[in-house]
Each structure stands twice: as structure tokens, then as C-alpha cells.
């Protein structure tokens, strides 16, 4: 299994995250409008939960990326150069 990490992947993730935050703000705004009109706001707890899960997954992905790159670097190191 070979993984390739590059700038475009990172940029895509950040753009996706920014788009999600924009949609989240719109949903909150619409919820406030609905609450003002009907006195019953939208239940947007799922959006907050989704944001938290997205943050955790991004952190997990960072750890995966760092550890994969470290293992690839270790594999490329000559045994004589390994500090034992």
C-alpha cells in the first residue's frame, strides 16, 4: 500500500473544511430566522457533532500522515546509519 501526500490534497481538505464552516453558519442563521418566525428553532446538534467528528478525523489523518512518512524515511535509511 503506497500513500502519496501532497500540497493539493492538504489544500483540498482545507477548502472542504472552509465550505463546511460556511454552510454551518448559514444553517445557524436559517435556524435563528425559523426561531424568530415560528418560535421553534431547528435542531442543529447534528451539525455541531459533524464538525467535531470532522476535526477528530483531520487530527487522526495528520498522525497517520506523519507516521507513514516517518516509516518511509526509516525504510530508506541504511542500516549502518541507524542509531542503535
N, C-alpha and C. Protein backbone atom coordinates (compact mmCIF):
# COMPACT_ATOMS: atom_id res chain seq x y z
N UNK A 1 0.85 -1.16 0.00
CA UNK A 1 0.00 0.00 0.00
C UNK A 1 0.90 1.23 0.00
N UNK A 2 0.73 2.10 -0.96
CA UNK A 2 1.57 3.28 -1.06
C UNK A 2 0.68 4.52 -0.96
N UNK A 3 1.08 5.45 -0.11
CA UNK A 3 0.33 6.68 0.08
C UNK A 3 1.14 7.84 -0.47
N UNK A 4 0.46 8.74 -1.09
CA UNK A 4 1.12 9.92 -1.64
C UNK A 4 0.47 11.15 -1.03
N UNK A 5 1.27 11.95 -0.37
CA UNK A 5 0.77 13.17 0.25
C UNK A 5 1.33 14.35 -0.51
N UNK A 6 0.50 15.28 -0.80
CA UNK A 6 0.99 16.47 -1.49
C UNK A 6 0.19 17.69 -1.07
N UNK A 7 0.63 18.82 -1.54
CA UNK A 7 0.01 20.09 -1.18
C UNK A 7 -1.44 20.16 -1.64
N UNK A 8 -1.72 19.65 -2.83
CA UNK A 8 -3.08 19.78 -3.35
C UNK A 8 -4.09 19.03 -2.48
N UNK A 9 -3.68 17.89 -1.90
CA UNK A 9 -4.58 17.15 -1.01
C UNK A 9 -4.86 17.97 0.24
N UNK A 10 -3.80 18.55 0.81
CA UNK A 10 -3.99 19.39 2.00
C UNK A 10 -4.87 20.59 1.69
N UNK A 11 -4.65 21.21 0.56
CA UNK A 11 -5.44 22.38 0.17
C UNK A 11 -6.91 21.98 -0.03
N UNK A 12 -7.14 20.81 -0.61
CA UNK A 12 -8.50 20.33 -0.81
C UNK A 12 -9.21 20.16 0.53
N UNK A 13 -8.51 19.59 1.50
CA UNK A 13 -9.10 19.37 2.82
C UNK A 13 -9.46 20.71 3.47
N UNK A 14 -8.55 21.68 3.38
CA UNK A 14 -8.83 22.99 3.97
C UNK A 14 -9.98 23.69 3.25
N UNK A 15 -10.05 23.56 1.93
CA UNK A 15 -11.15 24.17 1.19
C UNK A 15 -12.47 23.50 1.56
N UNK A 16 -12.45 22.19 1.71
CA UNK A 16 -13.65 21.45 2.10
C UNK A 16 -14.11 21.87 3.49
N UNK A 17 -13.14 22.03 4.40
CA UNK A 17 -13.46 22.46 5.76
C UNK A 17 -14.05 23.88 5.75
N UNK A 18 -13.47 24.78 4.97
CA UNK A 18 -14.00 26.14 4.88
C UNK A 18 -15.42 26.14 4.33
N UNK A 19 -15.66 25.32 3.32
CA UNK A 19 -17.01 25.22 2.76
C UNK A 19 -17.99 24.70 3.80
N UNK A 20 -17.57 23.73 4.59
CA UNK A 20 -18.45 23.20 5.64
C UNK A 20 -18.77 24.28 6.67
N UNK A 21 -17.76 25.06 7.07
CA UNK A 21 -18.00 26.12 8.05
C UNK A 21 -18.97 27.16 7.50
N UNK A 22 -18.86 27.48 6.21
CA UNK A 22 -19.79 28.44 5.60
C UNK A 22 -21.21 27.89 5.64
N UNK A 23 -21.38 26.63 5.30
CA UNK A 23 -22.71 26.00 5.32
C UNK A 23 -23.23 25.95 6.75
N UNK A 24 -22.35 25.64 7.69
CA UNK A 24 -22.75 25.60 9.10
C UNK A 24 -23.28 26.96 9.56
N UNK A 25 -22.60 28.02 9.18
CA UNK A 25 -23.06 29.36 9.56
C UNK A 25 -24.41 29.68 8.92
N UNK A 26 -24.60 29.27 7.67
CA UNK A 26 -25.89 29.50 7.01
C UNK A 26 -27.01 28.75 7.71
N UNK A 27 -26.73 27.50 8.10
CA UNK A 27 -27.74 26.69 8.78
C UNK A 27 -28.11 27.34 10.13
N UNK A 28 -27.11 27.83 10.84
CA UNK A 28 -27.38 28.51 12.11
C UNK A 28 -28.22 29.76 11.89
N UNK A 29 -27.90 30.51 10.84
CA UNK A 29 -28.65 31.74 10.53
C UNK A 29 -30.09 31.41 10.18
N UNK A 30 -30.29 30.39 9.37
CA UNK A 30 -31.64 29.98 8.98
C UNK A 30 -32.40 29.50 10.22
N UNK A 31 -31.69 28.80 11.12
CA UNK A 31 -32.32 28.34 12.37
C UNK A 31 -32.79 29.50 13.21
N UNK A 32 -32.00 30.57 13.26
CA UNK A 32 -32.42 31.76 14.02
C UNK A 32 -33.65 32.41 13.38
N UNK A 33 -33.66 32.45 12.04
CA UNK A 33 -34.83 33.01 11.35
C UNK A 33 -36.08 32.19 11.65
N UNK A 34 -35.93 30.86 11.58
CA UNK A 34 -37.08 29.99 11.85
C UNK A 34 -37.55 30.19 13.29
N UNK A 35 -36.60 30.30 14.22
CA UNK A 35 -36.98 30.50 15.62
C UNK A 35 -37.70 31.83 15.81
N UNK A 36 -37.29 32.85 15.07
CA UNK A 36 -37.94 34.16 15.18
C UNK A 36 -39.35 34.11 14.62
N UNK A 37 -39.56 33.32 13.58
CA UNK A 37 -40.88 33.26 12.93
C UNK A 37 -41.81 32.30 13.65
N UNK A 38 -41.34 31.09 13.95
CA UNK A 38 -42.22 30.05 14.49
C UNK A 38 -42.01 29.76 15.97
N UNK A 39 -40.99 30.36 16.57
CA UNK A 39 -40.62 30.11 17.96
C UNK A 39 -40.15 28.67 18.19
N UNK A 40 -39.84 27.95 17.12
CA UNK A 40 -39.30 26.59 17.22
C UNK A 40 -38.04 26.52 16.36
N UNK A 41 -36.88 26.56 16.98
CA UNK A 41 -35.64 26.53 16.18
C UNK A 41 -35.36 25.14 15.63
N UNK A 42 -34.53 25.11 14.60
CA UNK A 42 -34.07 23.83 14.07
C UNK A 42 -33.17 23.16 15.09
N UNK A 43 -33.20 21.85 15.11
CA UNK A 43 -32.28 21.09 15.95
C UNK A 43 -31.01 20.88 15.13
N UNK A 44 -29.99 21.67 15.41
CA UNK A 44 -28.76 21.59 14.61
C UNK A 44 -27.62 20.94 15.40
N UNK A 45 -27.97 20.14 16.38
CA UNK A 45 -26.93 19.44 17.13
C UNK A 45 -26.12 18.52 16.23
N UNK A 46 -26.77 17.97 15.20
CA UNK A 46 -26.05 17.07 14.29
C UNK A 46 -24.94 17.81 13.56
N UNK A 47 -25.12 19.10 13.29
CA UNK A 47 -24.08 19.88 12.61
C UNK A 47 -22.88 20.07 13.53
N UNK A 48 -23.14 20.35 14.79
CA UNK A 48 -22.06 20.51 15.76
C UNK A 48 -21.32 19.19 15.93
N UNK A 49 -22.07 18.09 16.00
CA UNK A 49 -21.45 16.77 16.13
C UNK A 49 -20.62 16.43 14.89
N UNK A 50 -21.14 16.77 13.72
CA UNK A 50 -20.42 16.50 12.48
C UNK A 50 -19.11 17.29 12.44
N UNK A 51 -19.16 18.52 12.90
CA UNK A 51 -17.95 19.37 12.93
C UNK A 51 -16.91 18.76 13.87
N UNK A 52 -17.34 18.30 15.03
CA UNK A 52 -16.41 17.68 15.99
C UNK A 52 -15.80 16.41 15.40
N UNK A 53 -16.62 15.61 14.76
CA UNK A 53 -16.10 14.38 14.13
C UNK A 53 -15.11 14.70 13.02
N UNK A 54 -15.41 15.74 12.25
CA UNK A 54 -14.52 16.15 11.17
C UNK A 54 -13.17 16.59 11.73
N UNK A 55 -13.19 17.33 12.85
CA UNK A 55 -11.95 17.78 13.48
C UNK A 55 -11.13 16.59 13.96
N UNK A 56 -11.79 15.61 14.59
CA UNK A 56 -11.09 14.43 15.08
C UNK A 56 -10.49 13.64 13.92
N UNK A 57 -11.25 13.49 12.86
CA UNK A 57 -10.73 12.75 11.70
C UNK A 57 -9.54 13.46 11.07
N UNK A 58 -9.58 14.78 11.03
CA UNK A 58 -8.46 15.51 10.45
C UNK A 58 -7.21 15.33 11.31
N UNK A 59 -7.36 15.38 12.63
CA UNK A 59 -6.22 15.15 13.51
C UNK A 59 -5.68 13.74 13.34
N UNK A 60 -6.57 12.77 13.26
CA UNK A 60 -6.15 11.39 13.05
C UNK A 60 -5.40 11.25 11.73
N UNK A 61 -5.88 11.90 10.69
CA UNK A 61 -5.23 11.86 9.39
C UNK A 61 -3.83 12.47 9.46
N UNK A 62 -3.68 13.55 10.23
CA UNK A 62 -2.35 14.17 10.39
C UNK A 62 -1.38 13.18 11.03
N UNK A 63 -1.83 12.48 12.09
CA UNK A 63 -0.98 11.49 12.74
C UNK A 63 -0.62 10.36 11.78
N UNK A 64 -1.58 9.93 11.00
CA UNK A 64 -1.34 8.87 10.02
C UNK A 64 -0.32 9.32 8.99
N UNK A 65 -0.47 10.53 8.52
CA UNK A 65 0.45 11.07 7.51
C UNK A 65 1.87 11.16 8.06
N UNK A 66 2.02 11.69 9.26
CA UNK A 66 3.35 11.84 9.87
C UNK A 66 3.98 10.48 10.10
N UNK A 67 3.23 9.54 10.63
CA UNK A 67 3.80 8.22 10.91
C UNK A 67 4.16 7.49 9.62
N UNK A 68 3.35 7.63 8.58
CA UNK A 68 3.66 6.98 7.31
C UNK A 68 4.93 7.56 6.71
N UNK A 69 5.08 8.86 6.76
CA UNK A 69 6.29 9.49 6.23
C UNK A 69 7.52 9.09 7.05
N UNK A 70 7.37 8.96 8.36
CA UNK A 70 8.49 8.54 9.21
C UNK A 70 8.91 7.11 8.88
N UNK A 71 7.96 6.23 8.66
CA UNK A 71 8.28 4.84 8.30
C UNK A 71 8.95 4.80 6.93
N UNK A 72 8.48 5.58 5.98
CA UNK A 72 9.11 5.61 4.66
C UNK A 72 10.55 6.12 4.76
N UNK A 73 10.76 7.13 5.58
CA UNK A 73 12.12 7.65 5.78
C UNK A 73 13.00 6.59 6.45
N UNK A 74 12.46 5.90 7.43
CA UNK A 74 13.22 4.87 8.13
C UNK A 74 13.60 3.74 7.18
N UNK A 75 12.68 3.35 6.29
CA UNK A 75 12.97 2.29 5.32
C UNK A 75 14.08 2.69 4.36
N UNK A 76 14.20 3.97 4.07
CA UNK A 76 15.22 4.44 3.13
C UNK A 76 16.58 4.62 3.79
N UNK A 77 16.66 4.52 5.12
CA UNK A 77 17.90 4.72 5.84
C UNK A 77 18.73 3.43 5.81
N UNK A 78 20.02 3.56 5.52
CA UNK A 78 20.91 2.40 5.55
C UNK A 78 21.05 1.91 6.98
N UNK A 79 21.18 0.62 7.14
CA UNK A 79 21.26 0.03 8.46
C UNK A 79 22.45 0.56 9.24
N UNK A 80 23.54 0.84 8.57
CA UNK A 80 24.74 1.36 9.24
C UNK A 80 24.48 2.73 9.87
N UNK A 81 23.56 3.49 9.29
CA UNK A 81 23.29 4.82 9.79
C UNK A 81 22.25 4.85 10.92
N UNK A 82 21.65 3.70 11.19
CA UNK A 82 20.64 3.63 12.23
C UNK A 82 21.32 3.69 13.58
N UNK A 83 20.86 4.56 14.44
CA UNK A 83 21.40 4.72 15.77
C UNK A 83 20.78 3.68 16.70
N UNK A 84 21.56 2.70 17.09
CA UNK A 84 21.02 1.61 17.93
C UNK A 84 21.46 1.77 19.35
